[in-house]
Amino acid sequence: MGLIGLKLGKDGCFIASNTEQYFLPGFTVDAVDTTGAGDAFCAGMLYGIHEQWDLDRSMRFANAMAAMCLTDTTTSEGMKEIGEIEKLMSRIPLRKPAI
């Protein structure tokens, strides 16, 4: 599958495959430090692809990983277990699109 993704900071992300296009706003969190958020997003997206999730779920998971990363002063402390990421996905609202 061909896939391209654009991380849009707090505004979320845009992903396009050969057959689909998605925009997903970011999660609303209080950012402490942005270091590693892009790497966390990429790791989350790759995990979703590895697990054969659809693009929407993979994007939500990737955005949630990046959002978790933002909530602590060190990248490694911001990374949590998969269950914690999924809790964030269910309880934290997405931002309203800026576009």
Protein backbone atom coordinates (compact mmCIF):
# COMPACT_ATOMS: atom_id res chain seq x y z
CA MET A 1 0.00 0.00 0.00
CA GLY A 2 1.30 3.45 -0.87
CA LEU A 3 0.87 5.85 2.04
CA ILE A 4 1.83 9.42 2.79
CA GLY A 5 1.21 11.30 6.00
CA LEU A 6 1.51 14.91 7.06
CA LYS A 7 1.66 15.77 10.76
CA LEU A 8 -0.01 19.11 11.36
CA GLY A 9 1.05 19.81 14.94
CA LYS A 10 -1.85 20.54 17.28
CA ASP A 11 -4.20 20.58 14.27
CA GLY A 12 -3.80 16.81 13.77
CA CYS A 13 -2.76 14.96 10.66
CA PHE A 14 -3.60 14.18 7.05
CA ILE A 15 -3.03 10.72 5.59
CA ALA A 16 -3.55 9.55 2.02
CA SER A 17 -3.25 6.05 0.59
CA ASN A 18 -3.82 4.87 -2.96
CA THR A 19 -7.57 4.73 -2.28
CA GLU A 20 -8.35 6.84 0.81
CA GLN A 21 -7.73 10.29 2.28
CA TYR A 22 -8.28 11.28 5.90
CA PHE A 23 -7.89 14.42 7.98
CA LEU A 24 -8.03 13.91 11.73
CA PRO A 25 -7.79 16.74 14.27
CA GLY A 26 -5.39 16.39 17.18
CA PHE A 27 -6.37 15.57 20.76
CA THR A 28 -6.83 18.41 23.23
CA VAL A 29 -4.11 18.11 25.88
CA ASP A 30 -2.02 20.55 27.90
CA ALA A 31 1.36 20.41 26.17
CA VAL A 32 4.40 20.47 28.47
CA ASP A 33 7.10 19.67 25.89
CA THR A 34 6.84 18.89 22.17
CA THR A 35 10.10 16.91 21.99
CA GLY A 36 9.51 13.50 20.43
CA ALA A 37 5.86 14.05 19.50
CA GLY A 38 6.51 13.50 15.79
CA ASP A 39 8.48 10.34 16.51
CA ALA A 40 5.68 9.11 18.78
CA PHE A 41 3.16 9.79 16.02
CA CYS A 42 5.20 7.80 13.50
CA ALA A 43 5.62 4.93 15.95
CA GLY A 44 1.87 4.85 16.58
CA MET A 45 1.10 4.87 12.87
CA LEU A 46 3.57 2.07 12.18
CA TYR A 47 2.10 0.06 15.05
CA GLY A 48 -1.39 0.44 13.60
CA ILE A 49 -0.20 -0.64 10.16
CA HIS A 50 1.61 -3.62 11.71
CA GLU A 51 -1.59 -4.60 13.53
CA GLN A 52 -3.49 -4.25 10.22
CA TRP A 53 -5.84 -1.62 11.61
CA ASP A 54 -7.73 0.59 9.18
CA LEU A 55 -6.27 4.05 8.53
CA ASP A 56 -8.78 5.84 10.76
CA ARG A 57 -7.93 3.75 13.84
CA SER A 58 -4.20 3.92 13.08
CA MET A 59 -4.38 7.72 12.79
CA ARG A 60 -6.33 8.07 16.04
CA PHE A 61 -3.80 5.86 17.81
CA ALA A 62 -0.85 7.80 16.32
CA ASN A 63 -2.40 11.14 17.33
CA ALA A 64 -3.02 9.79 20.83
CA MET A 65 0.60 8.62 21.14
CA ALA A 66 1.82 12.07 20.11
CA ALA A 67 -0.60 13.73 22.55
CA MET A 68 0.62 11.52 25.42
CA CYS A 69 4.20 12.42 24.57
CA LEU A 70 3.33 16.11 24.95
CA THR A 71 2.10 15.72 28.52
CA ASP A 72 5.45 15.15 30.23
CA THR A 73 8.84 16.85 30.38
CA THR A 74 10.66 13.87 28.88
CA THR A 75 9.68 11.85 25.85
CA SER A 76 10.10 8.49 27.55
CA GLU A 77 7.97 9.50 30.54
CA GLY A 78 5.20 10.62 28.17
CA MET A 79 5.06 7.21 26.48
CA LYS A 80 2.54 4.91 28.10
CA GLU A 81 1.23 1.34 27.72
CA ILE A 82 -1.17 0.64 24.84
CA GLY A 83 -4.10 0.47 27.27
CA GLU A 84 -3.34 4.00 28.51
CA ILE A 85 -3.18 5.29 24.93
CA GLU A 86 -6.56 3.71 24.19
CA LYS A 87 -8.04 5.30 27.35
CA LEU A 88 -6.86 8.70 26.14
CA MET A 89 -8.49 8.00 22.77
CA SER A 90 -11.83 7.36 24.46
CA ARG A 91 -11.87 10.17 27.04
CA ILE A 92 -10.06 13.15 25.50
CA PRO A 93 -11.94 15.10 22.81
CA LEU A 94 -10.41 15.85 19.44
CA ARG A 95 -9.72 19.51 18.71
CA LYS A 96 -12.13 21.35 16.48
CA PRO A 97 -10.57 21.52 13.00
CA ALA A 98 -8.80 24.83 12.31
CA ILE A 99 -9.58 24.51 8.61
